[in-house]
Amino acid sequence: MKFKIFILFIFITMVAFKSDKPAYKIYTKSGKEVKYSKMLKKLENADVVFFGELHNNPIAHWLQIELTQDLFEIKKENLILAAEMFESDNQIIMDEYLSGLIKQSKFEDEMRLWSNYKTDYKPLVQFAKENNLKFIASNIPRRYASVVFSKGFEGIDELSNEAKTYIAPLPIDYDPNVECYKKMLSMGTGGMHSNDNLPKAQAIKDATMAHFIYKNLSPDRMLLHYNGTYHSDNYEGIVWYLKQKSENLSIVTIATVQQSDIDSLSEDFKDLADFILCIPENMTTTY
């Protein structure tokens, strides 16, 4: 009788577990499920942490601010924030806002903010402001990425010396055989193959973000960088460029993926990053 009760208990527990609807799970690169607390422990001694997001995913954005708060508890003033979503020529505006020199309204008017800034990135900027943290605008000004898309790297030579200060140092070390750039050439646009300069425009973004990350690193400090997951997936993109600058950096990556069933990690996503944030594909979006 006791055995039957025990079996019934196990059955009920399994049914209850299967009926649960977790908003996310975290996996290691090998596909092993891991607790958030264990991931946090692995991150605390890194020089650079890349949080690769899906730009419209609310769970990724929520976990970004949670992770930022928790890393701040560990690193305090030795935490630096940086993001793809802000362009390098706007660094002065970012600094003026964080220091209290200009008001929020002026900051938001002049920063060329993404349309989802208020819901998804404002909490990160406000956290930096409230805790006196540096926040690096790491991305290339989009107008210069457009120049590369139109004219290739040669177009950058036409820019003024001042304009070039907002970009990774020239010449750009571009390897078309890096897998993420090879894949971009196969992406169709309106039924046509992409412009051959498309991966170059991506590369100059990655190179510029790596440049400003490296420029702002210092001993005993951690830099937490927020970017679209494609920019750091498979340790390519920004990570590839950063490793060209220093092989000795301790770099930890987080990727974000979506699956219909998150009970186990798809083979397609294994080795994508050190940690993979797996979210149901029917999750609501922020835009």
Protein backbone atom coordinates (compact mmCIF):
# COMPACT_ATOMS: atom_id res chain seq x y z
CA MET A 1 0.00 0.00 0.00
CA LYS A 2 2.81 2.40 0.93
CA PHE A 3 4.54 1.59 -2.36
CA LYS A 4 1.40 2.47 -4.33
CA ILE A 5 1.08 5.76 -2.46
CA PHE A 6 4.71 6.53 -3.22
CA ILE A 7 4.21 5.82 -6.94
CA LEU A 8 1.09 8.00 -6.96
CA PHE A 9 3.07 10.81 -5.29
CA ILE A 10 5.81 10.57 -7.94
CA PHE A 11 3.20 10.61 -10.72
CA ILE A 12 1.45 13.67 -9.29
CA THR A 13 4.80 15.46 -8.86
CA MET A 14 5.78 14.74 -12.46
CA VAL A 15 2.42 15.93 -13.79
CA ALA A 16 2.67 19.11 -11.71
CA PHE A 17 6.19 19.75 -12.97
CA LYS A 18 5.18 19.21 -16.61
CA SER A 19 2.24 21.59 -16.19
CA ASP A 20 4.56 24.34 -14.99
CA LYS A 21 5.30 27.06 -17.55
CA PRO A 22 8.76 28.52 -16.92
CA ALA A 23 9.52 31.76 -18.74
CA TYR A 24 13.12 30.72 -19.35
CA LYS A 25 15.82 28.18 -18.66
CA ILE A 26 19.58 28.60 -18.72
CA TYR A 27 21.89 26.03 -20.28
CA THR A 28 25.63 25.64 -20.50
CA LYS A 29 27.29 25.33 -23.91
CA SER A 30 27.03 21.54 -23.64
CA GLY A 31 23.27 21.73 -23.07
CA LYS A 32 23.25 21.10 -19.33
CA GLU A 33 20.59 23.05 -17.46
CA VAL A 34 22.09 25.39 -14.87
CA LYS A 35 20.68 27.64 -12.17
CA TYR A 36 20.97 31.42 -12.50
CA SER A 37 23.01 31.52 -9.29
CA LYS A 38 25.58 29.15 -10.74
CA MET A 39 25.87 31.26 -13.91
CA LEU A 40 26.36 34.35 -11.76
CA LYS A 41 29.16 32.62 -9.88
CA LYS A 42 30.93 31.81 -13.17
CA LEU A 43 30.64 35.42 -14.32
CA GLU A 44 32.06 37.18 -11.30
CA ASN A 45 35.75 36.92 -12.27
CA ALA A 46 35.34 37.75 -15.97
CA ASP A 47 36.96 40.78 -17.57
CA VAL A 48 34.16 41.10 -20.12
CA VAL A 49 30.64 39.65 -20.12
CA PHE A 50 28.60 39.77 -23.32
CA PHE A 51 24.84 39.55 -22.86
CA GLY A 52 23.49 38.69 -26.30
CA GLU A 53 19.81 39.59 -26.51
CA LEU A 54 16.90 39.33 -28.89
CA HIS A 55 16.05 43.01 -29.15
CA ASN A 56 12.29 42.64 -28.61
CA ASN A 57 12.35 39.89 -25.98
CA PRO A 58 11.06 40.98 -22.55
CA ILE A 59 12.63 38.07 -20.65
CA ALA A 60 16.11 38.89 -21.98
CA HIS A 61 15.64 42.55 -21.02
CA TRP A 62 14.36 41.64 -17.56
CA LEU A 63 17.29 39.31 -16.97
CA GLN A 64 19.70 42.02 -18.14
CA ILE A 65 18.67 44.40 -15.39
CA GLU A 66 18.59 41.56 -12.83
CA LEU A 67 22.09 40.48 -13.83
CA THR A 68 23.34 44.07 -13.78
CA GLN A 69 22.04 44.58 -10.26
CA ASP A 70 23.56 41.31 -9.05
CA LEU A 71 26.96 41.97 -10.64
CA PHE A 72 26.94 45.42 -9.07
CA GLU A 73 26.48 43.82 -5.67
CA ILE A 74 29.67 41.87 -6.36
CA LYS A 75 31.79 44.43 -8.23
CA LYS A 76 30.39 47.74 -6.92
CA GLU A 77 32.15 50.70 -8.63
CA ASN A 78 34.33 48.23 -10.55
CA LEU A 79 31.45 47.45 -12.93
CA ILE A 80 31.33 49.24 -16.29
CA LEU A 81 28.29 49.04 -18.58
CA ALA A 82 28.38 49.29 -22.37
CA ALA A 83 25.89 48.74 -25.16
CA GLU A 84 25.42 48.35 -28.89
CA MET A 85 22.27 50.49 -28.63
CA PHE A 86 24.23 53.72 -28.13
CA GLU A 87 26.57 55.23 -30.72
CA SER A 88 30.10 56.37 -29.96
CA ASP A 89 29.64 59.98 -31.08
CA ASN A 90 26.95 60.32 -28.40
CA GLN A 91 29.29 59.37 -25.55
CA ILE A 92 29.54 62.98 -24.43
CA ILE A 93 25.74 63.20 -24.12
CA MET A 94 25.69 59.98 -22.12
CA ASP A 95 28.42 61.29 -19.79
CA GLU A 96 26.67 64.62 -19.32
CA TYR A 97 23.41 62.91 -18.40
CA LEU A 98 24.98 60.41 -16.00
CA SER A 99 26.88 63.21 -14.26
CA GLY A 100 23.69 65.26 -13.84
CA LEU A 101 24.86 68.06 -16.15
CA ILE A 102 21.86 67.74 -18.48
CA LYS A 103 18.27 66.76 -17.84
CA GLN A 104 16.62 63.52 -18.89
CA SER A 105 14.49 65.29 -21.51
CA LYS A 106 17.59 66.70 -23.26
CA PHE A 107 19.31 63.34 -23.09
CA GLU A 108 16.35 61.55 -24.67
CA ASP A 109 15.91 64.24 -27.33
CA GLU A 110 19.51 64.14 -28.54
CA MET A 111 20.75 60.54 -28.13
CA ARG A 112 19.19 58.95 -31.27
CA LEU A 113 17.60 56.35 -29.02
CA TRP A 114 16.10 53.10 -30.26
CA SER A 115 12.29 53.02 -30.36
CA ASN A 116 12.20 50.53 -27.45
CA TYR A 117 14.57 52.54 -25.27
CA LYS A 118 12.03 53.45 -22.60
CA THR A 119 10.85 49.90 -22.00
CA ASP A 120 14.08 47.98 -22.57
CA TYR A 121 17.22 50.10 -22.09
CA LYS A 122 16.21 53.02 -19.90
CA PRO A 123 16.30 50.84 -16.75
CA LEU A 124 19.96 50.06 -17.47
CA VAL A 125 20.89 53.71 -18.02
CA GLN A 126 18.99 54.76 -14.90
CA PHE A 127 20.76 52.09 -12.88
CA ALA A 128 24.11 53.43 -14.06
CA LYS A 129 23.06 56.98 -13.16
CA GLU A 130 21.82 56.03 -9.70
CA ASN A 131 25.00 54.11 -8.91
CA ASN A 132 27.61 56.37 -10.55
CA LEU A 133 28.66 53.78 -13.10
CA LYS A 134 30.30 54.46 -16.47
CA PHE A 135 28.14 53.56 -19.45
CA ILE A 136 29.97 53.22 -22.75
CA ALA A 137 28.25 54.02 -26.05
CA SER A 138 30.18 51.39 -28.00
CA ASN A 139 28.60 51.20 -31.45
CA ILE A 140 29.68 52.94 -34.64
CA PRO A 141 27.46 55.87 -35.67
CA ARG A 142 24.96 54.27 -38.01
CA ARG A 143 25.65 56.81 -40.77
CA TYR A 144 29.21 55.47 -41.02
CA ALA A 145 28.06 51.85 -41.09
CA SER A 146 25.84 52.93 -43.99
CA VAL A 147 28.89 54.33 -45.77
CA VAL A 148 30.57 50.92 -45.52
CA PHE A 149 27.42 49.21 -46.79
CA SER A 150 27.37 51.52 -49.80
CA LYS A 151 31.08 51.84 -50.58
CA GLY A 152 32.92 49.17 -48.63
CA PHE A 153 35.75 49.96 -46.24
CA GLU A 154 37.16 52.36 -48.84
CA GLY A 155 34.30 54.73 -48.07
CA ILE A 156 35.66 55.26 -44.57
CA ASP A 157 38.84 56.78 -46.02
CA GLU A 158 36.75 59.72 -47.19
CA LEU A 159 35.74 60.64 -43.62
CA SER A 160 37.42 63.42 -41.65
CA ASN A 161 39.98 62.59 -38.99
CA GLU A 162 37.48 63.64 -36.33
CA ALA A 163 34.85 61.26 -37.72
CA LYS A 164 37.36 58.42 -37.66
CA THR A 165 37.75 58.80 -33.88
CA TYR A 166 34.29 57.29 -33.53
CA ILE A 167 35.31 54.12 -35.40
CA ALA A 168 37.77 51.30 -34.77
CA PRO A 169 41.28 52.21 -35.95
CA LEU A 170 41.87 51.69 -39.66
CA PRO A 171 42.51 49.51 -41.55
CA ILE A 172 39.79 47.14 -40.31
CA ASP A 173 41.07 43.60 -39.86
CA TYR A 174 38.33 41.85 -41.83
CA ASP A 175 38.20 38.09 -42.36
CA PRO A 176 35.37 37.13 -44.75
CA ASN A 177 35.75 33.50 -43.68
CA VAL A 178 34.51 34.16 -40.14
CA GLU A 179 31.30 32.14 -40.13
CA CYS A 180 28.92 34.91 -39.06
CA TYR A 181 30.05 37.06 -42.01
CA LYS A 182 29.86 34.18 -44.47
CA LYS A 183 26.27 33.56 -43.37
CA MET A 184 25.30 37.18 -43.93
CA LEU A 185 26.09 36.86 -47.64
CA SER A 186 23.48 34.12 -47.94
CA MET A 187 20.74 36.31 -46.44
CA GLY A 188 18.32 37.36 -49.16
CA THR A 189 16.85 40.82 -49.49
CA GLY A 190 13.74 41.03 -51.61
CA GLY A 191 14.67 37.79 -53.36
CA MET A 192 18.14 39.11 -54.27
CA HIS A 193 21.46 38.20 -52.71
CA SER A 194 22.70 40.75 -50.19
CA ASN A 195 25.14 43.45 -51.11
CA ASP A 196 28.67 42.04 -50.72
CA ASN A 197 29.34 44.92 -48.36
CA LEU A 198 26.68 43.78 -45.87
CA PRO A 199 29.07 41.62 -43.80
CA LYS A 200 31.64 44.43 -43.95
CA ALA A 201 29.09 46.82 -42.45
CA GLN A 202 28.47 44.23 -39.72
CA ALA A 203 32.20 43.78 -39.20
CA ILE A 204 32.87 47.48 -38.74
CA LYS A 205 30.16 47.55 -36.06
CA ASP A 206 31.77 44.57 -34.33
CA ALA A 207 35.27 46.01 -34.65
CA THR A 208 34.15 49.38 -33.29
CA MET A 209 32.37 47.83 -30.31
CA ALA A 210 35.45 45.72 -29.57
CA HIS A 211 37.62 48.84 -29.83
CA PHE A 212 35.61 50.83 -27.29
CA ILE A 213 35.27 47.84 -24.99
CA TYR A 214 39.04 47.32 -24.99
CA LYS A 215 39.71 51.04 -24.61
CA ASN A 216 37.63 51.13 -21.42
CA LEU A 217 38.99 48.00 -19.76
CA SER A 218 41.17 48.30 -16.68
CA PRO A 219 42.56 45.84 -14.12
CA ASP A 220 40.10 44.51 -11.51
CA ARG A 221 37.13 45.92 -13.41
CA MET A 222 34.41 44.07 -15.28
CA LEU A 223 32.72 45.39 -18.41
CA LEU A 224 29.19 44.14 -19.08
CA HIS A 225 28.20 44.62 -22.72
CA TYR A 226 24.63 44.39 -24.04
CA ASN A 227 24.25 43.55 -27.72
CA GLY A 228 22.15 41.65 -30.19
CA THR A 229 23.01 37.99 -29.71
CA TYR A 230 24.27 37.65 -33.31
CA HIS A 231 27.12 40.02 -32.49
CA SER A 232 28.63 37.58 -29.98
CA ASP A 233 27.18 34.14 -30.87
CA ASN A 234 29.72 31.38 -31.48
CA TYR A 235 32.43 33.64 -30.00
CA GLU A 236 32.48 35.54 -33.29
CA GLY A 237 31.65 39.14 -34.13
CA ILE A 238 32.70 41.44 -31.30
CA VAL A 239 34.34 38.57 -29.41
CA TRP A 240 36.52 37.69 -32.42
CA TYR A 241 37.73 41.29 -32.71
CA LEU A 242 38.33 41.59 -28.98
CA LYS A 243 40.46 38.45 -29.03
CA GLN A 244 42.60 39.98 -31.78
CA LYS A 245 43.47 42.70 -29.27
CA SER A 246 44.20 40.35 -26.36
CA GLU A 247 44.07 36.58 -26.04
CA ASN A 248 44.48 36.87 -22.28
CA LEU A 249 41.11 38.43 -21.50
CA SER A 250 38.60 36.39 -19.53
CA ILE A 251 35.48 36.62 -21.68
CA VAL A 252 32.11 35.03 -20.85
CA THR A 253 29.21 35.08 -23.30
CA ILE A 254 25.46 34.73 -22.88
CA ALA A 255 23.26 34.04 -25.91
CA THR A 256 19.49 34.25 -26.17
CA VAL A 257 17.46 31.73 -28.16
CA GLN A 258 13.82 30.76 -28.56
CA GLN A 259 12.35 27.26 -28.80
CA SER A 260 8.83 25.82 -28.88
CA ASP A 261 9.82 23.54 -25.98
CA ILE A 262 12.50 24.69 -23.55
CA ASP A 263 12.77 21.45 -21.54
CA SER A 264 16.04 20.68 -23.30
CA LEU A 265 18.38 22.71 -25.47
CA SER A 266 18.27 22.08 -29.21
CA GLU A 267 21.44 20.64 -30.71
CA ASP A 268 21.46 23.66 -33.03
CA PHE A 269 22.14 25.95 -30.07
CA LYS A 270 24.84 24.00 -28.28
CA ASP A 271 28.25 25.74 -28.19
CA LEU A 272 26.56 29.03 -29.11
CA ALA A 273 27.86 30.70 -25.95
CA ASP A 274 29.08 29.88 -22.46
CA PHE A 275 25.49 30.22 -21.26
CA ILE A 276 22.34 30.03 -23.37
CA LEU A 277 19.18 31.76 -22.20
CA CYS A 278 16.37 29.66 -23.67
CA ILE A 279 12.91 31.25 -23.90
CA PRO A 280 9.57 29.93 -25.24
CA GLU A 281 9.10 31.13 -28.81
CA ASN A 282 5.52 32.24 -28.07
CA MET A 283 6.75 34.76 -25.50
CA THR A 284 5.20 38.20 -25.95
CA THR A 285 7.46 40.87 -27.42
CA THR A 286 8.17 44.50 -26.55
CA TYR A 287 7.52 45.63 -30.13
